[in-house]
Amino acid sequence: MDVIDVKTNVKRRLQSLGYTAVSSDDWTIDFVIDKTENYIKGNCNTVNINDKLFEAEIDMICGEFLNLKKNLGQLDIDGLSFNMISKSVQEGDTKVEFYTDGFDTADQKFSKLIQSLMNRKDELSSYRCLKW
C-alpha cells in the first residue's frame, strides 16, 4: 500500500473519531506510520504487509497517534466524538441503549478506545510467516 494512501486513510479515520489532523501533525503521523508498519512486519516476519491487514494497520496507527497526543497533553479528550454517544434513545415504543461497560469518564472511554484500536495482535497472527 502506498504511504500517501495510508496517511490519507489515517487522517480520515482520525476525523471519524473526532480528531482533525493539522499540518503540524504530519511528521508525527509519518513517524507513527513507520513505527506501526515496522511492528507489523516484525510481528508477521515479512517484508510486505498483507492488504487484508490494511484496516488493522490504520486503526493501530490511529491508536498510537492518539495515545501519543494524549500523553503529551496535546489532546482534548472531551472533544472527541466517541464521548458524544447517547446512553439511550427512545422513539415511540422503541428504545435503544448503548452498553457503556461501566466507563463513565471521558478519560476511561478514551483509554478503552485506544486499547481497541491498538490491540490487533489476533489479526496479525493469521498472517505470520515462519522464520528459519
N, C-alpha and C. Protein backbone atom coordinates (compact mmCIF):
# COMPACT_ATOMS: atom_id res chain seq x y z
N MET A 1 0.85 -1.17 0.00
CA MET A 1 0.00 0.00 0.00
C MET A 1 0.90 1.24 0.00
N ASP A 2 0.51 2.24 -0.74
CA ASP A 2 1.26 3.47 -0.87
C ASP A 2 1.18 4.28 0.43
N VAL A 3 2.30 4.90 0.81
CA VAL A 3 2.35 5.68 2.06
C VAL A 3 1.34 6.82 2.03
N ILE A 4 1.14 7.43 0.88
CA ILE A 4 0.18 8.53 0.76
C ILE A 4 -1.23 8.01 1.04
N ASP A 5 -1.57 6.82 0.50
CA ASP A 5 -2.88 6.24 0.78
C ASP A 5 -3.06 5.96 2.26
N VAL A 6 -2.01 5.45 2.90
CA VAL A 6 -2.08 5.15 4.33
C VAL A 6 -2.30 6.44 5.10
N LYS A 7 -1.52 7.45 4.80
CA LYS A 7 -1.64 8.72 5.52
C LYS A 7 -3.01 9.36 5.33
N THR A 8 -3.52 9.32 4.11
CA THR A 8 -4.85 9.86 3.83
C THR A 8 -5.91 9.12 4.62
N ASN A 9 -5.81 7.79 4.66
CA ASN A 9 -6.78 6.99 5.39
C ASN A 9 -6.65 7.17 6.90
N VAL A 10 -5.44 7.37 7.39
CA VAL A 10 -5.24 7.66 8.81
C VAL A 10 -5.94 8.96 9.18
N LYS A 11 -5.75 9.99 8.36
CA LYS A 11 -6.39 11.27 8.64
C LYS A 11 -7.91 11.17 8.57
N ARG A 12 -8.41 10.39 7.63
CA ARG A 12 -9.86 10.20 7.53
C ARG A 12 -10.39 9.44 8.74
N ARG A 13 -9.66 8.42 9.20
CA ARG A 13 -10.08 7.65 10.38
C ARG A 13 -10.04 8.52 11.63
N LEU A 14 -8.99 9.33 11.76
CA LEU A 14 -8.91 10.25 12.89
C LEU A 14 -10.10 11.22 12.88
N GLN A 15 -10.44 11.69 11.69
CA GLN A 15 -11.59 12.60 11.54
C GLN A 15 -12.86 11.91 12.00
N SER A 16 -13.01 10.63 11.66
CA SER A 16 -14.22 9.90 12.07
C SER A 16 -14.29 9.71 13.57
N LEU A 17 -13.13 9.79 14.24
CA LEU A 17 -13.08 9.66 15.69
C LEU A 17 -13.19 11.02 16.40
N GLY A 18 -13.30 12.08 15.60
CA GLY A 18 -13.48 13.41 16.17
C GLY A 18 -12.22 14.24 16.27
N TYR A 19 -11.10 13.74 15.75
CA TYR A 19 -9.85 14.50 15.78
C TYR A 19 -9.51 14.94 14.36
N THR A 20 -9.33 16.23 14.17
CA THR A 20 -8.94 16.76 12.88
C THR A 20 -7.44 17.02 12.89
N ALA A 21 -6.72 16.29 12.04
CA ALA A 21 -5.28 16.45 11.96
C ALA A 21 -4.95 17.79 11.33
N VAL A 22 -3.93 18.44 11.87
CA VAL A 22 -3.45 19.71 11.33
C VAL A 22 -2.07 19.48 10.72
N SER A 23 -1.57 20.47 10.00
CA SER A 23 -0.30 20.29 9.29
C SER A 23 0.86 19.99 10.23
N SER A 24 0.80 20.48 11.46
CA SER A 24 1.87 20.20 12.42
C SER A 24 1.87 18.74 12.89
N ASP A 25 0.81 18.00 12.59
CA ASP A 25 0.73 16.58 12.94
C ASP A 25 1.39 15.68 11.89
N ASP A 26 1.73 16.23 10.72
CA ASP A 26 2.23 15.41 9.62
C ASP A 26 3.46 14.59 9.98
N TRP A 27 4.45 15.21 10.61
CA TRP A 27 5.66 14.46 10.95
C TRP A 27 5.35 13.35 11.94
N THR A 28 4.54 13.64 12.93
CA THR A 28 4.18 12.64 13.93
C THR A 28 3.41 11.49 13.28
N ILE A 29 2.49 11.80 12.38
CA ILE A 29 1.73 10.76 11.68
C ILE A 29 2.68 9.90 10.86
N ASP A 30 3.61 10.53 10.14
CA ASP A 30 4.59 9.77 9.35
C ASP A 30 5.42 8.85 10.25
N PHE A 31 5.84 9.37 11.39
CA PHE A 31 6.63 8.57 12.33
C PHE A 31 5.84 7.36 12.83
N VAL A 32 4.58 7.59 13.21
CA VAL A 32 3.74 6.51 13.74
C VAL A 32 3.43 5.50 12.64
N ILE A 33 3.27 5.95 11.41
CA ILE A 33 3.07 5.02 10.28
C ILE A 33 4.26 4.09 10.16
N ASP A 34 5.49 4.68 10.13
CA ASP A 34 6.70 3.86 10.02
C ASP A 34 6.84 2.90 11.20
N LYS A 35 6.59 3.41 12.39
CA LYS A 35 6.71 2.59 13.60
C LYS A 35 5.74 1.41 13.56
N THR A 36 4.50 1.68 13.21
CA THR A 36 3.48 0.63 13.19
C THR A 36 3.74 -0.37 12.07
N GLU A 37 4.15 0.11 10.91
CA GLU A 37 4.45 -0.81 9.81
C GLU A 37 5.64 -1.70 10.16
N ASN A 38 6.65 -1.16 10.80
CA ASN A 38 7.79 -1.97 11.23
C ASN A 38 7.37 -2.99 12.28
N TYR A 39 6.46 -2.62 13.17
CA TYR A 39 5.95 -3.54 14.17
C TYR A 39 5.21 -4.70 13.50
N ILE A 40 4.34 -4.37 12.55
CA ILE A 40 3.56 -5.41 11.87
C ILE A 40 4.50 -6.33 11.08
N LYS A 41 5.44 -5.75 10.36
CA LYS A 41 6.38 -6.56 9.57
C LYS A 41 7.21 -7.46 10.48
N GLY A 42 7.65 -6.95 11.60
CA GLY A 42 8.42 -7.75 12.55
C GLY A 42 7.58 -8.83 13.19
N ASN A 43 6.35 -8.50 13.55
CA ASN A 43 5.47 -9.47 14.18
C ASN A 43 5.09 -10.59 13.22
N CYS A 44 4.89 -10.23 11.95
CA CYS A 44 4.49 -11.23 10.95
C CYS A 44 5.70 -11.86 10.25
N ASN A 45 6.90 -11.34 10.52
CA ASN A 45 8.13 -11.84 9.90
C ASN A 45 8.03 -11.79 8.37
N THR A 46 7.72 -10.61 7.87
CA THR A 46 7.57 -10.41 6.43
C THR A 46 8.08 -9.02 6.05
N VAL A 47 8.39 -8.84 4.77
CA VAL A 47 8.85 -7.53 4.32
C VAL A 47 7.71 -6.68 3.76
N ASN A 48 6.57 -7.33 3.48
CA ASN A 48 5.40 -6.62 2.97
C ASN A 48 4.20 -6.91 3.86
N ILE A 49 3.36 -5.91 4.03
CA ILE A 49 2.16 -6.08 4.83
C ILE A 49 1.03 -6.53 3.91
N ASN A 50 0.37 -7.61 4.29
CA ASN A 50 -0.75 -8.14 3.52
C ASN A 50 -1.85 -7.09 3.43
N ASP A 51 -2.44 -6.95 2.24
CA ASP A 51 -3.51 -5.97 2.03
C ASP A 51 -4.71 -6.21 2.94
N LYS A 52 -4.90 -7.43 3.37
CA LYS A 52 -6.04 -7.74 4.24
C LYS A 52 -5.86 -7.17 5.65
N LEU A 53 -4.65 -6.71 5.96
CA LEU A 53 -4.38 -6.09 7.26
C LEU A 53 -4.49 -4.57 7.22
N PHE A 54 -4.95 -4.02 6.10
CA PHE A 54 -4.97 -2.57 5.92
C PHE A 54 -5.78 -1.87 7.00
N GLU A 55 -6.98 -2.35 7.27
CA GLU A 55 -7.83 -1.69 8.28
C GLU A 55 -7.22 -1.81 9.67
N ALA A 56 -6.64 -2.96 9.97
CA ALA A 56 -5.99 -3.14 11.27
C ALA A 56 -4.80 -2.19 11.39
N GLU A 57 -4.04 -2.04 10.31
CA GLU A 57 -2.90 -1.12 10.31
C GLU A 57 -3.37 0.31 10.56
N ILE A 58 -4.41 0.74 9.89
CA ILE A 58 -4.93 2.11 10.06
C ILE A 58 -5.37 2.33 11.51
N ASP A 59 -6.10 1.38 12.07
CA ASP A 59 -6.54 1.51 13.46
C ASP A 59 -5.36 1.54 14.43
N MET A 60 -4.37 0.70 14.20
CA MET A 60 -3.20 0.68 15.08
C MET A 60 -2.45 2.01 15.02
N ILE A 61 -2.32 2.56 13.82
CA ILE A 61 -1.66 3.86 13.65
C ILE A 61 -2.44 4.95 14.39
N CYS A 62 -3.74 4.96 14.22
CA CYS A 62 -4.58 5.97 14.89
C CYS A 62 -4.50 5.83 16.40
N GLY A 63 -4.52 4.60 16.89
CA GLY A 63 -4.40 4.37 18.33
C GLY A 63 -3.09 4.87 18.88
N GLU A 64 -2.00 4.55 18.19
CA GLU A 64 -0.67 5.02 18.61
C GLU A 64 -0.62 6.55 18.59
N PHE A 65 -1.14 7.14 17.53
CA PHE A 65 -1.11 8.60 17.39
C PHE A 65 -1.90 9.28 18.50
N LEU A 66 -3.14 8.83 18.72
CA LEU A 66 -3.98 9.45 19.75
C LEU A 66 -3.39 9.25 21.14
N ASN A 67 -2.82 8.08 21.39
CA ASN A 67 -2.19 7.81 22.68
C ASN A 67 -0.99 8.74 22.89
N LEU A 68 -0.19 8.93 21.86
CA LEU A 68 0.96 9.83 21.95
C LEU A 68 0.51 11.27 22.22
N LYS A 69 -0.51 11.72 21.49
CA LYS A 69 -1.02 13.07 21.69
C LYS A 69 -1.55 13.26 23.11
N LYS A 70 -2.24 12.24 23.62
CA LYS A 70 -2.78 12.31 24.98
C LYS A 70 -1.65 12.40 25.99
N ASN A 71 -0.65 11.53 25.84
CA ASN A 71 0.47 11.51 26.78
C ASN A 71 1.28 12.79 26.77
N LEU A 72 1.28 13.48 25.63
CA LEU A 72 1.98 14.77 25.54
C LEU A 72 1.12 15.94 26.02
N GLY A 73 -0.14 15.66 26.37
CA GLY A 73 -1.04 16.71 26.83
C GLY A 73 -1.54 17.59 25.70
N GLN A 74 -1.53 17.06 24.47
CA GLN A 74 -1.92 17.84 23.30
C GLN A 74 -3.28 17.43 22.74
N LEU A 75 -4.11 16.79 23.56
CA LEU A 75 -5.36 16.25 23.06
C LEU A 75 -6.50 16.61 24.00
N ASP A 76 -7.57 17.14 23.43
CA ASP A 76 -8.79 17.44 24.19
C ASP A 76 -9.70 16.23 24.08
N ILE A 77 -9.66 15.36 25.08
CA ILE A 77 -10.42 14.12 25.05
C ILE A 77 -11.92 14.38 25.03
N ASP A 78 -12.35 15.42 25.74
CA ASP A 78 -13.78 15.72 25.81
C ASP A 78 -14.36 16.09 24.45
N GLY A 79 -13.51 16.55 23.51
CA GLY A 79 -13.98 16.96 22.20
C GLY A 79 -14.08 15.85 21.18
N LEU A 80 -13.63 14.65 21.51
CA LEU A 80 -13.68 13.54 20.56
C LEU A 80 -15.10 12.99 20.47
N SER A 81 -15.46 12.50 19.29
CA SER A 81 -16.85 12.13 19.01
C SER A 81 -17.34 10.93 19.79
N PHE A 82 -16.47 10.03 20.22
CA PHE A 82 -16.96 8.85 20.95
C PHE A 82 -17.60 9.24 22.26
N ASN A 83 -17.26 10.42 22.76
CA ASN A 83 -17.81 10.88 24.03
C ASN A 83 -19.22 11.45 23.89
N MET A 84 -19.67 11.67 22.66
CA MET A 84 -20.96 12.28 22.43
C MET A 84 -22.05 11.25 22.19
N ILE A 85 -21.76 9.97 22.31
CA ILE A 85 -22.75 8.93 22.08
C ILE A 85 -23.73 8.92 23.25
N SER A 86 -25.01 8.91 22.93
CA SER A 86 -26.04 8.89 23.97
C SER A 86 -26.11 7.52 24.62
N LYS A 87 -26.51 7.51 25.89
CA LYS A 87 -26.70 6.24 26.58
C LYS A 87 -27.98 5.58 26.09
N SER A 88 -29.02 6.36 25.84
CA SER A 88 -30.26 5.75 25.36
C SER A 88 -30.98 6.71 24.42
N VAL A 89 -31.72 6.11 23.49
CA VAL A 89 -32.53 6.86 22.54
C VAL A 89 -33.88 6.19 22.51
N GLN A 90 -34.94 7.00 22.63
CA GLN A 90 -36.28 6.43 22.60
C GLN A 90 -37.12 7.19 21.59
N GLU A 91 -37.74 6.40 20.70
CA GLU A 91 -38.64 6.99 19.71
C GLU A 91 -39.86 6.10 19.63
N GLY A 92 -40.99 6.62 20.06
CA GLY A 92 -42.20 5.81 20.09
C GLY A 92 -42.04 4.69 21.11
N ASP A 93 -42.32 3.46 20.68
CA ASP A 93 -42.19 2.33 21.59
C ASP A 93 -40.84 1.62 21.45
N THR A 94 -39.92 2.20 20.70
CA THR A 94 -38.59 1.61 20.51
C THR A 94 -37.56 2.37 21.34
N LYS A 95 -36.79 1.64 22.10
CA LYS A 95 -35.76 2.25 22.94
C LYS A 95 -34.44 1.52 22.68
N VAL A 96 -33.38 2.30 22.44
CA VAL A 96 -32.05 1.75 22.19
C VAL A 96 -31.12 2.29 23.26
N GLU A 97 -30.37 1.39 23.91
CA GLU A 97 -29.37 1.79 24.91
C GLU A 97 -28.02 1.25 24.49
N PHE A 98 -27.00 2.05 24.68
CA PHE A 98 -25.64 1.63 24.37
C PHE A 98 -24.97 1.14 25.63
N TYR A 99 -24.31 0.01 25.52
CA TYR A 99 -23.58 -0.57 26.65
C TYR A 99 -22.34 0.26 26.92
N THR A 100 -22.22 0.77 28.14
CA THR A 100 -21.08 1.62 28.47
C THR A 100 -19.97 0.89 29.18
N ASP A 101 -20.19 -0.36 29.55
CA ASP A 101 -19.16 -1.20 30.18
C ASP A 101 -18.65 -0.58 31.48
N GLY A 102 -19.45 0.28 32.12
CA GLY A 102 -19.05 0.87 33.39
C GLY A 102 -18.07 2.02 33.26
N PHE A 103 -17.71 2.41 32.06
CA PHE A 103 -16.78 3.50 31.86
C PHE A 103 -17.57 4.80 31.73
N ASP A 104 -17.39 5.67 32.70
CA ASP A 104 -18.19 6.88 32.71
C ASP A 104 -17.41 8.13 32.33
N THR A 105 -16.16 8.22 32.71
CA THR A 105 -15.41 9.43 32.43
C THR A 105 -14.88 9.39 31.00
N ALA A 106 -14.64 10.57 30.47
CA ALA A 106 -14.10 10.67 29.11
C ALA A 106 -12.73 9.99 29.02
N ASP A 107 -11.93 10.12 30.07
CA ASP A 107 -10.61 9.50 30.06
C ASP A 107 -10.70 7.98 30.01
N GLN A 108 -11.64 7.41 30.74
CA GLN A 108 -11.81 5.95 30.74
C GLN A 108 -12.33 5.47 29.39
N LYS A 109 -13.26 6.20 28.80
CA LYS A 109 -13.77 5.85 27.47
C LYS A 109 -12.65 5.95 26.44
N PHE A 110 -11.84 6.99 26.57
CA PHE A 110 -10.73 7.17 25.64
C PHE A 110 -9.73 6.03 25.76
N SER A 111 -9.43 5.62 26.98
CA SER A 111 -8.49 4.51 27.19
C SER A 111 -9.01 3.22 26.56
N LYS A 112 -10.30 2.98 26.68
CA LYS A 112 -10.89 1.79 26.08
C LYS A 112 -10.82 1.87 24.55
N LEU A 113 -11.09 3.03 24.00
CA LEU A 113 -11.00 3.23 22.56
C LEU A 113 -9.58 2.96 22.07
N ILE A 114 -8.60 3.54 22.76
CA ILE A 114 -7.19 3.36 22.38
C ILE A 114 -6.81 1.89 22.40
N GLN A 115 -7.22 1.18 23.43
CA GLN A 115 -6.90 -0.25 23.53
C GLN A 115 -7.52 -1.04 22.38
N SER A 116 -8.75 -0.70 22.02
CA SER A 116 -9.39 -1.43 20.92
C SER A 116 -8.73 -1.13 19.59
N LEU A 117 -8.21 0.07 19.42
CA LEU A 117 -7.51 0.42 18.18
C LEU A 117 -6.14 -0.25 18.09
N MET A 118 -5.43 -0.26 19.20
CA MET A 118 -4.04 -0.73 19.19
C MET A 118 -3.88 -2.25 19.31
N ASN A 119 -4.77 -2.91 20.00
CA ASN A 119 -4.62 -4.34 20.26
C ASN A 119 -5.23 -5.17 19.15
N ARG A 120 -4.48 -5.35 18.09
CA ARG A 120 -4.95 -6.11 16.93
C ARG A 120 -4.06 -7.33 16.68
N LYS A 121 -3.38 -7.82 17.71
CA LYS A 121 -2.44 -8.94 17.56
C LYS A 121 -3.10 -10.20 17.04
N ASP A 122 -4.37 -10.42 17.41
CA ASP A 122 -5.07 -11.61 16.94
C ASP A 122 -5.16 -11.62 15.42
N GLU A 123 -5.41 -10.45 14.84
CA GLU A 123 -5.49 -10.36 13.38
C GLU A 123 -4.12 -10.59 12.75
N LEU A 124 -3.07 -10.08 13.38
CA LEU A 124 -1.73 -10.22 12.83
C LEU A 124 -1.27 -11.67 12.84
N SER A 125 -1.67 -12.42 13.84
CA SER A 125 -1.19 -13.79 13.97
C SER A 125 -1.61 -14.68 12.80
N SER A 126 -2.69 -14.34 12.14
CA SER A 126 -3.14 -15.11 10.98
C SER A 126 -2.21 -14.96 9.79
N TYR A 127 -1.38 -13.93 9.79
CA TYR A 127 -0.51 -13.64 8.64
C TYR A 127 0.98 -13.81 8.98
N ARG A 128 1.26 -14.48 10.07
CA ARG A 128 2.64 -14.71 10.46
C ARG A 128 3.30 -15.72 9.54
N CYS A 129 4.57 -15.48 9.25
CA CYS A 129 5.37 -16.40 8.43
C CYS A 129 6.40 -17.05 9.33
N LEU A 130 6.71 -18.29 9.04
CA LEU A 130 7.74 -18.99 9.80
C LEU A 130 9.11 -18.41 9.51
N LYS A 131 9.93 -18.38 10.53
CA LYS A 131 11.29 -17.89 10.39
C LYS A 131 12.23 -19.07 10.54
N TRP A 132 13.12 -19.27 9.58
CA TRP A 132 14.05 -20.41 9.61
C TRP A 132 15.38 -19.98 10.13
